[in-house]
Amino acid sequence: MPAFTVLAIHRVKAGMRATWAELATVNAEAARSEPGCLQFDVVLSDEEPNMAFLVEMYVDRAAWDAHLQKPYCRSFMSAIETMLVDRTRMLGGRVET
């Protein structure tokens, strides 16, 4: 079964990138210890200074759903709400080769 993958694309307000990255890193470090988390990366765009990404992989959708209920995830989502211009989330399964 392919890993359940989440790509969260965040357009951060000017001047908020470093703060967003600090908060995202705390969330990512905690998430990596979850039993169903396979990967959780924080990525800052080299091309767009206000674009940032979260690349997450879980064993299945249930593991991601469990992640969303963790206090550190809820805290992160609440903290960044006013920092974002917009966000897009894409969900899918990794193509196995």
N, C-alpha and C. Protein backbone atom coordinates (compact mmCIF):
# COMPACT_ATOMS: atom_id res chain seq x y z
N MET A 1 0.84 -1.18 0.00
CA MET A 1 0.00 0.00 0.00
C MET A 1 0.89 1.25 0.00
N PRO A 2 0.62 2.20 -0.90
CA PRO A 2 1.46 3.40 -0.97
C PRO A 2 1.28 4.28 0.26
N ALA A 3 2.33 4.99 0.62
CA ALA A 3 2.28 5.91 1.75
C ALA A 3 1.28 7.04 1.46
N PHE A 4 0.57 7.45 2.50
CA PHE A 4 -0.34 8.58 2.39
C PHE A 4 0.50 9.85 2.49
N THR A 5 0.41 10.69 1.47
CA THR A 5 1.28 11.87 1.37
C THR A 5 0.47 13.15 1.43
N VAL A 6 1.02 14.11 2.16
CA VAL A 6 0.42 15.44 2.29
C VAL A 6 1.45 16.46 1.83
N LEU A 7 1.04 17.34 0.92
CA LEU A 7 1.86 18.48 0.53
C LEU A 7 1.08 19.72 0.91
N ALA A 8 1.58 20.44 1.89
CA ALA A 8 0.95 21.68 2.34
C ALA A 8 1.79 22.84 1.83
N ILE A 9 1.17 23.69 1.03
CA ILE A 9 1.86 24.83 0.43
C ILE A 9 1.34 26.09 1.12
N HIS A 10 2.24 26.82 1.75
CA HIS A 10 1.86 28.02 2.49
C HIS A 10 2.51 29.25 1.87
N ARG A 11 1.71 30.26 1.58
CA ARG A 11 2.23 31.56 1.18
C ARG A 11 2.21 32.41 2.45
N VAL A 12 3.40 32.74 2.94
CA VAL A 12 3.56 33.42 4.21
C VAL A 12 3.64 34.93 3.98
N LYS A 13 3.05 35.69 4.90
CA LYS A 13 3.12 37.15 4.81
C LYS A 13 4.58 37.61 4.89
N ALA A 14 4.86 38.72 4.23
CA ALA A 14 6.21 39.30 4.25
C ALA A 14 6.66 39.50 5.70
N GLY A 15 7.89 39.12 5.96
CA GLY A 15 8.47 39.29 7.29
C GLY A 15 8.14 38.18 8.28
N MET A 16 7.35 37.20 7.87
CA MET A 16 6.92 36.13 8.78
C MET A 16 7.59 34.78 8.49
N ARG A 17 8.42 34.73 7.46
CA ARG A 17 9.00 33.45 7.04
C ARG A 17 9.81 32.78 8.14
N ALA A 18 10.67 33.52 8.81
CA ALA A 18 11.53 32.92 9.85
C ALA A 18 10.69 32.39 11.01
N THR A 19 9.70 33.15 11.43
CA THR A 19 8.83 32.72 12.52
C THR A 19 8.05 31.48 12.11
N TRP A 20 7.51 31.49 10.88
CA TRP A 20 6.79 30.32 10.37
C TRP A 20 7.71 29.10 10.40
N ALA A 21 8.94 29.27 9.92
CA ALA A 21 9.89 28.15 9.86
C ALA A 21 10.20 27.60 11.24
N GLU A 22 10.36 28.47 12.23
CA GLU A 22 10.63 28.01 13.59
C GLU A 22 9.46 27.18 14.12
N LEU A 23 8.25 27.68 13.94
CA LEU A 23 7.07 26.95 14.41
C LEU A 23 6.88 25.64 13.66
N ALA A 24 7.10 25.66 12.35
CA ALA A 24 6.96 24.45 11.54
C ALA A 24 7.98 23.40 11.95
N THR A 25 9.18 23.83 12.28
CA THR A 25 10.23 22.90 12.69
C THR A 25 9.88 22.21 14.00
N VAL A 26 9.34 22.95 14.95
CA VAL A 26 8.90 22.36 16.22
C VAL A 26 7.83 21.30 15.96
N ASN A 27 6.86 21.64 15.12
CA ASN A 27 5.79 20.70 14.77
C ASN A 27 6.36 19.47 14.07
N ALA A 28 7.25 19.67 13.13
CA ALA A 28 7.83 18.56 12.37
C ALA A 28 8.62 17.62 13.27
N GLU A 29 9.43 18.19 14.17
CA GLU A 29 10.23 17.35 15.06
C GLU A 29 9.35 16.48 15.94
N ALA A 30 8.26 17.03 16.43
CA ALA A 30 7.33 16.24 17.25
C ALA A 30 6.62 15.19 16.40
N ALA A 31 6.21 15.56 15.20
CA ALA A 31 5.48 14.64 14.33
C ALA A 31 6.33 13.44 13.94
N ARG A 32 7.61 13.65 13.75
CA ARG A 32 8.49 12.55 13.33
C ARG A 32 8.53 11.41 14.34
N SER A 33 8.16 11.68 15.58
CA SER A 33 8.16 10.62 16.60
C SER A 33 6.84 9.85 16.66
N GLU A 34 5.86 10.28 15.87
CA GLU A 34 4.57 9.58 15.85
C GLU A 34 4.75 8.22 15.17
N PRO A 35 4.08 7.18 15.67
CA PRO A 35 4.27 5.84 15.11
C PRO A 35 3.93 5.73 13.62
N GLY A 36 2.96 6.47 13.12
CA GLY A 36 2.57 6.35 11.71
C GLY A 36 3.23 7.33 10.77
N CYS A 37 4.12 8.17 11.29
CA CYS A 37 4.78 9.18 10.45
C CYS A 37 6.04 8.59 9.82
N LEU A 38 6.12 8.64 8.50
CA LEU A 38 7.29 8.13 7.78
C LEU A 38 8.27 9.24 7.43
N GLN A 39 7.74 10.45 7.24
CA GLN A 39 8.57 11.58 6.81
C GLN A 39 7.81 12.86 7.13
N PHE A 40 8.55 13.90 7.54
CA PHE A 40 7.93 15.20 7.76
C PHE A 40 9.03 16.24 7.54
N ASP A 41 8.98 16.90 6.40
CA ASP A 41 10.00 17.88 6.04
C ASP A 41 9.42 19.28 5.96
N VAL A 42 10.21 20.24 6.40
CA VAL A 42 9.88 21.66 6.28
C VAL A 42 10.78 22.21 5.19
N VAL A 43 10.17 22.83 4.17
CA VAL A 43 10.92 23.30 3.00
C VAL A 43 10.61 24.77 2.76
N LEU A 44 11.66 25.58 2.58
CA LEU A 44 11.50 26.98 2.20
C LEU A 44 11.90 27.12 0.74
N SER A 45 11.07 27.77 -0.03
CA SER A 45 11.31 27.92 -1.46
C SER A 45 12.54 28.77 -1.73
N ASP A 46 13.35 28.33 -2.68
CA ASP A 46 14.49 29.12 -3.16
C ASP A 46 14.05 30.16 -4.18
N GLU A 47 12.91 29.93 -4.81
CA GLU A 47 12.45 30.79 -5.91
C GLU A 47 11.46 31.85 -5.47
N GLU A 48 10.64 31.54 -4.49
CA GLU A 48 9.61 32.46 -4.00
C GLU A 48 9.87 32.70 -2.52
N PRO A 49 10.31 33.89 -2.14
CA PRO A 49 10.72 34.13 -0.76
C PRO A 49 9.63 33.93 0.29
N ASN A 50 8.39 34.02 -0.10
CA ASN A 50 7.31 33.87 0.87
C ASN A 50 6.57 32.54 0.75
N MET A 51 7.14 31.60 0.00
CA MET A 51 6.52 30.28 -0.14
C MET A 51 7.25 29.27 0.74
N ALA A 52 6.45 28.42 1.37
CA ALA A 52 6.99 27.37 2.22
C ALA A 52 6.12 26.13 2.07
N PHE A 53 6.71 24.98 2.35
CA PHE A 53 6.02 23.71 2.14
C PHE A 53 6.23 22.79 3.33
N LEU A 54 5.24 21.97 3.56
CA LEU A 54 5.38 20.84 4.46
C LEU A 54 5.17 19.60 3.61
N VAL A 55 6.12 18.69 3.65
CA VAL A 55 6.02 17.42 2.92
C VAL A 55 5.92 16.33 3.97
N GLU A 56 4.76 15.69 4.03
CA GLU A 56 4.49 14.71 5.08
C GLU A 56 4.11 13.37 4.46
N MET A 57 4.60 12.30 5.05
CA MET A 57 4.22 10.96 4.61
C MET A 57 3.88 10.12 5.83
N TYR A 58 2.77 9.41 5.71
CA TYR A 58 2.26 8.58 6.80
C TYR A 58 1.96 7.19 6.26
N VAL A 59 1.86 6.24 7.18
CA VAL A 59 1.56 4.87 6.75
C VAL A 59 0.17 4.79 6.13
N ASP A 60 -0.75 5.65 6.57
CA ASP A 60 -2.10 5.67 6.01
C ASP A 60 -2.82 6.96 6.44
N ARG A 61 -4.02 7.13 5.93
CA ARG A 61 -4.80 8.33 6.23
C ARG A 61 -5.11 8.44 7.73
N ALA A 62 -5.35 7.32 8.37
CA ALA A 62 -5.65 7.33 9.80
C ALA A 62 -4.49 7.90 10.62
N ALA A 63 -3.27 7.61 10.21
CA ALA A 63 -2.10 8.16 10.91
C ALA A 63 -2.04 9.68 10.77
N TRP A 64 -2.37 10.18 9.58
CA TRP A 64 -2.41 11.64 9.39
C TRP A 64 -3.53 12.25 10.21
N ASP A 65 -4.70 11.61 10.20
CA ASP A 65 -5.82 12.11 11.00
C ASP A 65 -5.43 12.18 12.47
N ALA A 66 -4.70 11.18 12.95
CA ALA A 66 -4.24 11.18 14.34
C ALA A 66 -3.27 12.34 14.58
N HIS A 67 -2.39 12.59 13.61
CA HIS A 67 -1.45 13.71 13.72
C HIS A 67 -2.20 15.03 13.90
N LEU A 68 -3.26 15.21 13.16
CA LEU A 68 -4.02 16.47 13.22
C LEU A 68 -4.62 16.72 14.59
N GLN A 69 -4.78 15.68 15.39
CA GLN A 69 -5.36 15.83 16.73
C GLN A 69 -4.32 16.08 17.82
N LYS A 70 -3.05 15.98 17.48
CA LYS A 70 -2.00 16.18 18.48
C LYS A 70 -1.96 17.64 18.92
N PRO A 71 -1.71 17.89 20.20
CA PRO A 71 -1.68 19.28 20.70
C PRO A 71 -0.67 20.16 19.97
N TYR A 72 0.50 19.63 19.64
CA TYR A 72 1.50 20.45 18.95
C TYR A 72 1.07 20.80 17.53
N CYS A 73 0.32 19.91 16.88
CA CYS A 73 -0.20 20.23 15.54
C CYS A 73 -1.27 21.31 15.63
N ARG A 74 -2.17 21.15 16.57
CA ARG A 74 -3.23 22.16 16.75
C ARG A 74 -2.62 23.51 17.11
N SER A 75 -1.60 23.50 17.95
CA SER A 75 -0.93 24.74 18.33
C SER A 75 -0.27 25.40 17.13
N PHE A 76 0.41 24.59 16.31
CA PHE A 76 1.05 25.11 15.10
C PHE A 76 0.02 25.73 14.16
N MET A 77 -1.06 25.02 13.90
CA MET A 77 -2.08 25.53 12.98
C MET A 77 -2.69 26.83 13.49
N SER A 78 -2.91 26.90 14.77
CA SER A 78 -3.46 28.13 15.35
C SER A 78 -2.46 29.28 15.26
N ALA A 79 -1.20 28.99 15.56
CA ALA A 79 -0.17 30.03 15.58
C ALA A 79 0.10 30.63 14.20
N ILE A 80 0.00 29.82 13.15
CA ILE A 80 0.34 30.33 11.82
C ILE A 80 -0.85 30.96 11.10
N GLU A 81 -2.04 30.82 11.64
CA GLU A 81 -3.24 31.30 10.96
C GLU A 81 -3.12 32.74 10.49
N THR A 82 -2.60 33.62 11.33
CA THR A 82 -2.49 35.04 10.96
C THR A 82 -1.24 35.34 10.14
N MET A 83 -0.36 34.36 9.97
CA MET A 83 0.87 34.55 9.20
C MET A 83 0.71 34.26 7.72
N LEU A 84 -0.40 33.63 7.35
CA LEU A 84 -0.55 33.14 5.98
C LEU A 84 -1.38 34.08 5.11
N VAL A 85 -0.93 34.22 3.87
CA VAL A 85 -1.73 34.90 2.85
C VAL A 85 -2.74 33.89 2.31
N ASP A 86 -2.25 32.69 2.02
CA ASP A 86 -3.12 31.60 1.60
C ASP A 86 -2.39 30.28 1.76
N ARG A 87 -3.14 29.22 1.60
CA ARG A 87 -2.55 27.88 1.69
C ARG A 87 -3.31 26.91 0.80
N THR A 88 -2.58 25.91 0.35
CA THR A 88 -3.15 24.84 -0.46
C THR A 88 -2.67 23.53 0.14
N ARG A 89 -3.53 22.55 0.15
CA ARG A 89 -3.15 21.24 0.65
C ARG A 89 -3.51 20.21 -0.41
N MET A 90 -2.55 19.34 -0.72
CA MET A 90 -2.79 18.25 -1.66
C MET A 90 -2.54 16.94 -0.93
N LEU A 91 -3.46 16.01 -1.11
CA LEU A 91 -3.37 14.70 -0.48
C LEU A 91 -3.28 13.63 -1.55
N GLY A 92 -2.49 12.60 -1.30
CA GLY A 92 -2.41 11.54 -2.29
C GLY A 92 -1.56 10.38 -1.82
N GLY A 93 -1.37 9.44 -2.71
CA GLY A 93 -0.54 8.28 -2.42
C GLY A 93 0.68 8.30 -3.31
N ARG A 94 1.81 8.01 -2.73
CA ARG A 94 3.06 7.97 -3.48
C ARG A 94 3.01 6.83 -4.49
N VAL A 95 3.48 7.08 -5.70
CA VAL A 95 3.55 6.05 -6.73
C VAL A 95 4.71 5.13 -6.40
N GLU A 96 4.42 3.88 -6.25
CA GLU A 96 5.45 2.89 -5.94
C GLU A 96 6.10 2.41 -7.23
N THR A 97 7.42 2.33 -7.23
CA THR A 97 8.14 1.87 -8.42
C THR A 97 8.87 0.57 -8.13
